[in-house]
């Protein structure tokens, strides 16, 4: 379990594009990732044959890009929207 003072738990500001998906910040990186997954599942954005691939809709594409992205590479794309 992460310590309370972990860098992942420190509230960070989110970009307007990311806030459109996860809500206004600041929030911990772990909370951002959790809310992105809620959004992905609610909008059925996982590839039906390969659940590891995410197919961004118009709103999520502003954060992850327009092309399908492997879920393991999402953190890198998200980090550009957290400061």
PDB file of N, CA and C in Angstrom:
ATOM      1  N   UNK A   1       0.840  -1.176   0.000  1.00  0.00           N
ATOM      2  CA  UNK A   1       0.000   0.000   0.000  1.00  0.00           C
ATOM      3  C   UNK A   1       0.890   1.246   0.000  1.00  0.00           C
ATOM      4  N   UNK A   2       0.498   2.262  -0.717  1.00  0.00           N
ATOM      5  CA  UNK A   2       1.288   3.489  -0.832  1.00  0.00           C
ATOM      6  C   UNK A   2       1.224   4.285   0.463  1.00  0.00           C
ATOM      7  N   UNK A   3       2.336   4.927   0.772  1.00  0.00           N
ATOM      8  CA  UNK A   3       2.369   5.808   1.932  1.00  0.00           C
ATOM      9  C   UNK A   3       1.559   7.057   1.624  1.00  0.00           C
ATOM     10  N   UNK A   4       1.083   7.719   2.671  1.00  0.00           N
ATOM     11  CA  UNK A   4       0.282   8.919   2.463  1.00  0.00           C
ATOM     12  C   UNK A   4       1.045  10.019   1.759  1.00  0.00           C
ATOM     13  N   UNK A   5       2.363  10.103   1.966  1.00  0.00           N
ATOM     14  CA  UNK A   5       3.145  11.168   1.354  1.00  0.00           C
ATOM     15  C   UNK A   5       3.735  10.755   0.008  1.00  0.00           C
ATOM     16  N   UNK A   6       3.257   9.662  -0.545  1.00  0.00           N
ATOM     17  CA  UNK A   6       3.721   9.183  -1.842  1.00  0.00           C
ATOM     18  C   UNK A   6       3.447  10.222  -2.931  1.00  0.00           C
ATOM     19  N   UNK A   7       4.345  10.320  -3.901  1.00  0.00           N
ATOM     20  CA  UNK A   7       4.168  11.269  -5.006  1.00  0.00           C
ATOM     21  C   UNK A   7       2.876  10.983  -5.773  1.00  0.00           C
ATOM     22  N   UNK A   8       2.446   9.732  -5.813  1.00  0.00           N
ATOM     23  CA  UNK A   8       1.218   9.386  -6.528  1.00  0.00           C
ATOM     24  C   UNK A   8      -0.027   9.908  -5.818  1.00  0.00           C
ATOM     25  N   UNK A   9       0.101  10.160  -4.522  1.00  0.00           N
ATOM     26  CA  UNK A   9      -1.046  10.604  -3.738  1.00  0.00           C
ATOM     27  C   UNK A   9      -1.115  12.124  -3.608  1.00  0.00           C
ATOM     28  N   UNK A  10      -0.074  12.829  -4.044  1.00  0.00           N
ATOM     29  CA  UNK A  10      -0.043  14.283  -3.924  1.00  0.00           C
ATOM     30  C   UNK A  10      -1.011  14.902  -4.934  1.00  0.00           C
ATOM     31  N   UNK A  11      -1.927  15.751  -4.485  1.00  0.00           N
ATOM     32  CA  UNK A  11      -2.867  16.389  -5.417  1.00  0.00           C
ATOM     33  C   UNK A  11      -2.134  17.242  -6.457  1.00  0.00           C
ATOM     34  N   UNK A  12      -2.518  17.082  -7.702  1.00  0.00           N
ATOM     35  CA  UNK A  12      -1.924  17.821  -8.816  1.00  0.00           C
ATOM     36  C   UNK A  12      -3.028  18.515  -9.598  1.00  0.00           C
ATOM     37  N   UNK A  13      -2.654  19.565 -10.291  1.00  0.00           N
ATOM     38  CA  UNK A  13      -3.600  20.247 -11.169  1.00  0.00           C
ATOM     39  C   UNK A  13      -3.769  19.442 -12.446  1.00  0.00           C
ATOM     40  N   UNK A  14      -4.955  19.485 -13.022  1.00  0.00           N
ATOM     41  CA  UNK A  14      -5.217  18.780 -14.275  1.00  0.00           C
ATOM     42  C   UNK A  14      -5.535  19.805 -15.360  1.00  0.00           C
ATOM     43  N   UNK A  15      -5.163  19.470 -16.593  1.00  0.00           N
ATOM     44  CA  UNK A  15      -5.415  20.364 -17.717  1.00  0.00           C
ATOM     45  C   UNK A  15      -6.919  20.461 -17.970  1.00  0.00           C
ATOM     46  N   UNK A  16      -7.357  21.504 -18.676  1.00  0.00           N
ATOM     47  CA  UNK A  16      -8.785  21.612 -19.007  1.00  0.00           C
ATOM     48  C   UNK A  16      -9.301  20.409 -19.804  1.00  0.00           C
ATOM     49  N   UNK A  17      -8.457  19.867 -20.688  1.00  0.00           N
ATOM     50  CA  UNK A  17      -8.853  18.699 -21.488  1.00  0.00           C
ATOM     51  C   UNK A  17      -9.090  17.486 -20.594  1.00  0.00           C
ATOM     52  N   UNK A  18      -8.184  17.274 -19.632  1.00  0.00           N
ATOM     53  CA  UNK A  18      -8.326  16.148 -18.714  1.00  0.00           C
ATOM     54  C   UNK A  18      -9.491  16.382 -17.750  1.00  0.00           C
ATOM     55  N   UNK A  19      -9.676  17.621 -17.311  1.00  0.00           N
ATOM     56  CA  UNK A  19     -10.778  17.950 -16.404  1.00  0.00           C
ATOM     57  C   UNK A  19     -12.135  17.665 -17.055  1.00  0.00           C
ATOM     58  N   UNK A  20     -12.220  17.775 -18.374  1.00  0.00           N
ATOM     59  CA  UNK A  20     -13.468  17.475 -19.088  1.00  0.00           C
ATOM     60  C   UNK A  20     -13.837  15.997 -18.948  1.00  0.00           C
ATOM     61  N   UNK A  21     -12.834  15.146 -18.695  1.00  0.00           N
ATOM     62  CA  UNK A  21     -13.068  13.707 -18.559  1.00  0.00           C
ATOM     63  C   UNK A  21     -13.225  13.308 -17.089  1.00  0.00           C
ATOM     64  N   UNK A  22     -12.338  13.817 -16.218  1.00  0.00           N
ATOM     65  CA  UNK A  22     -12.296  13.350 -14.828  1.00  0.00           C
ATOM     66  C   UNK A  22     -12.881  14.323 -13.818  1.00  0.00           C
ATOM     67  N   UNK A  23     -13.188  15.541 -14.239  1.00  0.00           N
ATOM     68  CA  UNK A  23     -13.686  16.548 -13.321  1.00  0.00           C
ATOM     69  C   UNK A  23     -12.562  17.491 -12.915  1.00  0.00           C
ATOM     70  N   UNK A  24     -12.901  18.577 -12.247  1.00  0.00           N
ATOM     71  CA  UNK A  24     -11.899  19.579 -11.891  1.00  0.00           C
ATOM     72  C   UNK A  24     -10.934  19.063 -10.834  1.00  0.00           C
ATOM     73  N   UNK A  25      -9.699  19.526 -10.920  1.00  0.00           N
ATOM     74  CA  UNK A  25      -8.663  19.155  -9.956  1.00  0.00           C
ATOM     75  C   UNK A  25      -8.615  20.172  -8.846  1.00  0.00           C
ATOM     76  N   UNK A  26      -7.608  20.126  -8.037  1.00  0.00           N
ATOM     77  CA  UNK A  26      -6.512  19.162  -8.075  1.00  0.00           C
ATOM     78  C   UNK A  26      -6.952  17.802  -7.516  1.00  0.00           C
ATOM     79  N   UNK A  27      -6.253  16.762  -7.964  1.00  0.00           N
ATOM     80  CA  UNK A  27      -6.514  15.415  -7.476  1.00  0.00           C
ATOM     81  C   UNK A  27      -5.258  14.572  -7.624  1.00  0.00           C
ATOM     82  N   UNK A  28      -5.192  13.503  -6.864  1.00  0.00           N
ATOM     83  CA  UNK A  28      -4.053  12.590  -6.902  1.00  0.00           C
ATOM     84  C   UNK A  28      -4.023  11.860  -8.243  1.00  0.00           C
ATOM     85  N   UNK A  29      -2.829  11.515  -8.686  1.00  0.00           N
ATOM     86  CA  UNK A  29      -2.659  10.783  -9.944  1.00  0.00           C
ATOM     87  C   UNK A  29      -3.469   9.486  -9.925  1.00  0.00           C
ATOM     88  N   UNK A  30      -3.497   8.803  -8.785  1.00  0.00           N
ATOM     89  CA  UNK A  30      -4.249   7.554  -8.692  1.00  0.00           C
ATOM     90  C   UNK A  30      -5.741   7.790  -8.895  1.00  0.00           C
ATOM     91  N   UNK A  31      -6.232   8.920  -8.392  1.00  0.00           N
ATOM     92  CA  UNK A  31      -7.647   9.258  -8.573  1.00  0.00           C
ATOM     93  C   UNK A  31      -7.947   9.584 -10.038  1.00  0.00           C
ATOM     94  N   UNK A  32      -7.006  10.256 -10.705  1.00  0.00           N
ATOM     95  CA  UNK A  32      -7.163  10.576 -12.130  1.00  0.00           C
ATOM     96  C   UNK A  32      -7.295   9.286 -12.938  1.00  0.00           C
ATOM     97  N   UNK A  33      -6.387   8.347 -12.704  1.00  0.00           N
ATOM     98  CA  UNK A  33      -6.413   7.081 -13.447  1.00  0.00           C
ATOM     99  C   UNK A  33      -7.706   6.322 -13.171  1.00  0.00           C
ATOM    100  N   UNK A  34      -8.127   6.304 -11.936  1.00  0.00           N
ATOM    101  CA  UNK A  34      -9.366   5.619 -11.573  1.00  0.00           C
ATOM    102  C   UNK A  34     -10.561   6.234 -12.295  1.00  0.00           C
ATOM    103  N   UNK A  35     -10.638   7.555 -12.327  1.00  0.00           N
ATOM    104  CA  UNK A  35     -11.756   8.226 -12.989  1.00  0.00           C
ATOM    105  C   UNK A  35     -11.716   8.043 -14.506  1.00  0.00           C
ATOM    106  N   UNK A  36     -10.520   7.968 -15.072  1.00  0.00           N
ATOM    107  CA  UNK A  36     -10.420   7.698 -16.513  1.00  0.00           C
ATOM    108  C   UNK A  36     -10.979   6.311 -16.813  1.00  0.00           C
ATOM    109  N   UNK A  37     -10.676   5.329 -15.974  1.00  0.00           N
ATOM    110  CA  UNK A  37     -11.204   3.983 -16.191  1.00  0.00           C
ATOM    111  C   UNK A  37     -12.727   3.949 -16.049  1.00  0.00           C
ATOM    112  N   UNK A  38     -13.260   4.707 -15.120  1.00  0.00           N
ATOM    113  CA  UNK A  38     -14.721   4.791 -14.989  1.00  0.00           C
ATOM    114  C   UNK A  38     -15.303   5.337 -16.289  1.00  0.00           C
ATOM    115  N   UNK A  39     -14.671   6.394 -16.831  1.00  0.00           N
ATOM    116  CA  UNK A  39     -15.134   7.004 -18.085  1.00  0.00           C
ATOM    117  C   UNK A  39     -15.031   6.006 -19.245  1.00  0.00           C
ATOM    118  N   UNK A  40     -13.910   5.295 -19.336  1.00  0.00           N
ATOM    119  CA  UNK A  40     -13.700   4.321 -20.417  1.00  0.00           C
ATOM    120  C   UNK A  40     -14.777   3.241 -20.379  1.00  0.00           C
ATOM    121  N   UNK A  41     -15.028   2.706 -19.206  1.00  0.00           N
ATOM    122  CA  UNK A  41     -16.022   1.629 -19.083  1.00  0.00           C
ATOM    123  C   UNK A  41     -17.443   2.147 -19.318  1.00  0.00           C
ATOM    124  N   UNK A  42     -17.747   3.332 -18.816  1.00  0.00           N
ATOM    125  CA  UNK A  42     -19.096   3.898 -18.981  1.00  0.00           C
ATOM    126  C   UNK A  42     -19.416   4.196 -20.438  1.00  0.00           C
ATOM    127  N   UNK A  43     -18.373   4.506 -21.225  1.00  0.00           N
ATOM    128  CA  UNK A  43     -18.580   4.860 -22.627  1.00  0.00           C
ATOM    129  C   UNK A  43     -18.171   3.739 -23.580  1.00  0.00           C
ATOM    130  N   UNK A  44     -17.899   2.555 -23.037  1.00  0.00           N
ATOM    131  CA  UNK A  44     -17.583   1.370 -23.833  1.00  0.00           C
ATOM    132  C   UNK A  44     -16.439   1.648 -24.826  1.00  0.00           C
ATOM    133  N   UNK A  45     -15.310   2.130 -24.314  1.00  0.00           N
ATOM    134  CA  UNK A  45     -14.197   2.526 -25.175  1.00  0.00           C
ATOM    135  C   UNK A  45     -13.096   1.473 -25.281  1.00  0.00           C
ATOM    136  N   UNK A  46     -13.282   0.313 -24.651  1.00  0.00           N
ATOM    137  CA  UNK A  46     -12.313  -0.765 -24.805  1.00  0.00           C
ATOM    138  C   UNK A  46     -12.635  -1.552 -26.067  1.00  0.00           C
ATOM    139  N   UNK A  47     -11.597  -1.967 -26.777  1.00  0.00           N
ATOM    140  CA  UNK A  47     -11.775  -2.803 -27.957  1.00  0.00           C
ATOM    141  C   UNK A  47     -12.441  -4.103 -27.520  1.00  0.00           C
ATOM    142  N   UNK A  48     -13.432  -4.547 -28.246  1.00  0.00           N
ATOM    143  CA  UNK A  48     -14.177  -5.744 -27.851  1.00  0.00           C
ATOM    144  C   UNK A  48     -13.342  -7.023 -27.942  1.00  0.00           C
ATOM    145  N   UNK A  49     -12.353  -7.060 -28.838  1.00  0.00           N
ATOM    146  CA  UNK A  49     -11.526  -8.254 -28.998  1.00  0.00           C
ATOM    147  C   UNK A  49     -10.275  -8.213 -28.134  1.00  0.00           C
ATOM    148  N   UNK A  50      -9.732  -7.028 -27.891  1.00  0.00           N
ATOM    149  CA  UNK A  50      -8.521  -6.869 -27.082  1.00  0.00           C
ATOM    150  C   UNK A  50      -8.788  -5.767 -26.057  1.00  0.00           C
ATOM    151  N   UNK A  51      -9.196  -6.171 -24.868  1.00  0.00           N
ATOM    152  CA  UNK A  51      -9.596  -5.219 -23.828  1.00  0.00           C
ATOM    153  C   UNK A  51      -8.453  -4.307 -23.388  1.00  0.00           C
ATOM    154  N   UNK A  52      -7.205  -4.636 -23.756  1.00  0.00           N
ATOM    155  CA  UNK A  52      -6.067  -3.783 -23.406  1.00  0.00           C
ATOM    156  C   UNK A  52      -6.008  -2.534 -24.270  1.00  0.00           C
ATOM    157  N   UNK A  53      -6.703  -2.540 -25.385  1.00  0.00           N
ATOM    158  CA  UNK A  53      -6.686  -1.397 -26.299  1.00  0.00           C
ATOM    159  C   UNK A  53      -7.869  -0.477 -26.010  1.00  0.00           C
ATOM    160  N   UNK A  54      -7.563   0.806 -25.920  1.00  0.00           N
ATOM    161  CA  UNK A  54      -8.578   1.821 -25.645  1.00  0.00           C
ATOM    162  C   UNK A  54      -8.806   2.618 -26.927  1.00  0.00           C
ATOM    163  N   UNK A  55     -10.069   2.762 -27.314  1.00  0.00           N
ATOM    164  CA  UNK A  55     -10.440   3.536 -28.503  1.00  0.00           C
ATOM    165  C   UNK A  55     -11.020   4.866 -28.040  1.00  0.00           C
ATOM    166  N   UNK A  56     -10.211   5.917 -28.006  1.00  0.00           N
ATOM    167  CA  UNK A  56     -10.680   7.205 -27.459  1.00  0.00           C
ATOM    168  C   UNK A  56     -11.839   7.794 -28.254  1.00  0.00           C
ATOM    169  N   UNK A  57     -12.817   8.340 -27.534  1.00  0.00           N
ATOM    170  CA  UNK A  57     -13.865   9.117 -28.180  1.00  0.00           C
ATOM    171  C   UNK A  57     -13.347  10.547 -28.318  1.00  0.00           C
ATOM    172  N   UNK A  58     -14.180  11.447 -28.775  1.00  0.00           N
ATOM    173  CA  UNK A  58     -13.746  12.823 -29.042  1.00  0.00           C
ATOM    174  C   UNK A  58     -13.173  13.503 -27.793  1.00  0.00           C
ATOM    175  N   UNK A  59     -13.821  13.318 -26.664  1.00  0.00           N
ATOM    176  CA  UNK A  59     -13.383  13.965 -25.420  1.00  0.00           C
ATOM    177  C   UNK A  59     -12.064  13.371 -24.918  1.00  0.00           C
ATOM    178  N   UNK A  60     -11.948  12.044 -24.912  1.00  0.00           N
ATOM    179  CA  UNK A  60     -10.748  11.373 -24.417  1.00  0.00           C
ATOM    180  C   UNK A  60      -9.576  11.518 -25.385  1.00  0.00           C
ATOM    181  N   UNK A  61      -9.871  11.709 -26.670  1.00  0.00           N
ATOM    182  CA  UNK A  61      -8.814  11.878 -27.677  1.00  0.00           C
ATOM    183  C   UNK A  61      -7.990  13.134 -27.413  1.00  0.00           C
ATOM    184  N   UNK A  62      -8.567  14.130 -26.773  1.00  0.00           N
ATOM    185  CA  UNK A  62      -7.829  15.357 -26.447  1.00  0.00           C
ATOM    186  C   UNK A  62      -6.759  15.092 -25.395  1.00  0.00           C
ATOM    187  N   UNK A  63      -6.873  13.975 -24.681  1.00  0.00           N
ATOM    188  CA  UNK A  63      -5.893  13.591 -23.660  1.00  0.00           C
ATOM    189  C   UNK A  63      -4.969  12.493 -24.178  1.00  0.00           C
ATOM    190  N   UNK A  64      -5.534  11.458 -24.797  1.00  0.00           N
ATOM    191  CA  UNK A  64      -4.759  10.283 -25.203  1.00  0.00           C
ATOM    192  C   UNK A  64      -4.345  10.276 -26.669  1.00  0.00           C
ATOM    193  N   UNK A  65      -4.907  11.145 -27.476  1.00  0.00           N
ATOM    194  CA  UNK A  65      -4.649  11.116 -28.907  1.00  0.00           C
ATOM    195  C   UNK A  65      -5.763  10.388 -29.630  1.00  0.00           C
ATOM    196  N   UNK A  66      -5.791  10.516 -30.944  1.00  0.00           N
ATOM    197  CA  UNK A  66      -6.893   9.957 -31.740  1.00  0.00           C
ATOM    198  C   UNK A  66      -6.784   8.461 -32.012  1.00  0.00           C
ATOM    199  N   UNK A  67      -5.578   7.934 -31.978  1.00  0.00           N
ATOM    200  CA  UNK A  67      -5.375   6.519 -32.306  1.00  0.00           C
ATOM    201  C   UNK A  67      -5.641   5.630 -31.097  1.00  0.00           C
ATOM    202  N   UNK A  68      -6.076   4.394 -31.321  1.00  0.00           N
ATOM    203  CA  UNK A  68      -6.219   3.457 -30.205  1.00  0.00           C
ATOM    204  C   UNK A  68      -4.884   3.339 -29.453  1.00  0.00           C
ATOM    205  N   UNK A  69      -4.967   3.219 -28.144  1.00  0.00           N
ATOM    206  CA  UNK A  69      -3.766   3.191 -27.312  1.00  0.00           C
ATOM    207  C   UNK A  69      -3.832   2.009 -26.358  1.00  0.00           C
ATOM    208  N   UNK A  70      -2.690   1.362 -26.151  1.00  0.00           N
ATOM    209  CA  UNK A  70      -2.595   0.266 -25.203  1.00  0.00           C
ATOM    210  C   UNK A  70      -2.729   0.849 -23.802  1.00  0.00           C
ATOM    211  N   UNK A  71      -3.470   0.170 -22.944  1.00  0.00           N
ATOM    212  CA  UNK A  71      -3.717   0.697 -21.594  1.00  0.00           C
ATOM    213  C   UNK A  71      -2.423   0.902 -20.816  1.00  0.00           C
ATOM    214  N   UNK A  72      -1.365   0.174 -21.161  1.00  0.00           N
ATOM    215  CA  UNK A  72      -0.094   0.328 -20.466  1.00  0.00           C
ATOM    216  C   UNK A  72       0.618   1.623 -20.850  1.00  0.00           C
ATOM    217  N   UNK A  73       0.220   2.248 -21.944  1.00  0.00           N
ATOM    218  CA  UNK A  73       0.845   3.492 -22.390  1.00  0.00           C
ATOM    219  C   UNK A  73       0.020   4.719 -22.027  1.00  0.00           C
ATOM    220  N   UNK A  74      -1.125   4.499 -21.392  1.00  0.00           N
ATOM    221  CA  UNK A  74      -1.993   5.618 -21.019  1.00  0.00           C
ATOM    222  C   UNK A  74      -1.329   6.549 -20.017  1.00  0.00           C
ATOM    223  N   UNK A  75      -0.573   6.002 -19.081  1.00  0.00           N
ATOM    224  CA  UNK A  75       0.039   6.828 -18.028  1.00  0.00           C
ATOM    225  C   UNK A  75       0.936   7.911 -18.619  1.00  0.00           C
ATOM    226  N   UNK A  76       1.675   7.566 -19.669  1.00  0.00           N
ATOM    227  CA  UNK A  76       2.539   8.556 -20.309  1.00  0.00           C
ATOM    228  C   UNK A  76       1.746   9.683 -20.947  1.00  0.00           C
ATOM    229  N   UNK A  77       0.644   9.344 -21.569  1.00  0.00           N
ATOM    230  CA  UNK A  77      -0.194  10.365 -22.207  1.00  0.00           C
ATOM    231  C   UNK A  77      -0.896  11.229 -21.152  1.00  0.00           C
ATOM    232  N   UNK A  78      -1.316  10.603 -20.077  1.00  0.00           N
ATOM    233  CA  UNK A  78      -1.993  11.336 -19.006  1.00  0.00           C
ATOM    234  C   UNK A  78      -1.046  12.301 -18.304  1.00  0.00           C
ATOM    235  N   UNK A  79       0.203  11.887 -18.132  1.00  0.00           N
ATOM    236  CA  UNK A  79       1.165  12.699 -17.380  1.00  0.00           C
ATOM    237  C   UNK A  79       1.388  14.076 -18.027  1.00  0.00           C
ATOM    238  N   UNK A  80       1.160  14.186 -19.317  1.00  0.00           N
ATOM    239  CA  UNK A  80       1.307  15.480 -20.007  1.00  0.00           C
ATOM    240  C   UNK A  80       0.210  16.449 -19.607  1.00  0.00           C
ATOM    241  N   UNK A  81      -0.837  15.945 -18.967  1.00  0.00           N
ATOM    242  CA  UNK A  81      -1.983  16.774 -18.598  1.00  0.00           C
ATOM    243  C   UNK A  81      -2.089  16.997 -17.089  1.00  0.00           C
ATOM    244  N   UNK A  82      -1.052  16.577 -16.363  1.00  0.00           N
ATOM    245  CA  UNK A  82      -1.024  16.734 -14.899  1.00  0.00           C
ATOM    246  C   UNK A  82       0.191  17.585 -14.529  1.00  0.00           C
ATOM    247  N   UNK A  83      -0.031  18.606 -13.720  1.00  0.00           N
ATOM    248  CA  UNK A  83       1.107  19.427 -13.281  1.00  0.00           C
ATOM    249  C   UNK A  83       1.001  19.766 -11.802  1.00  0.00           C
TER     250      UNK A  83
END
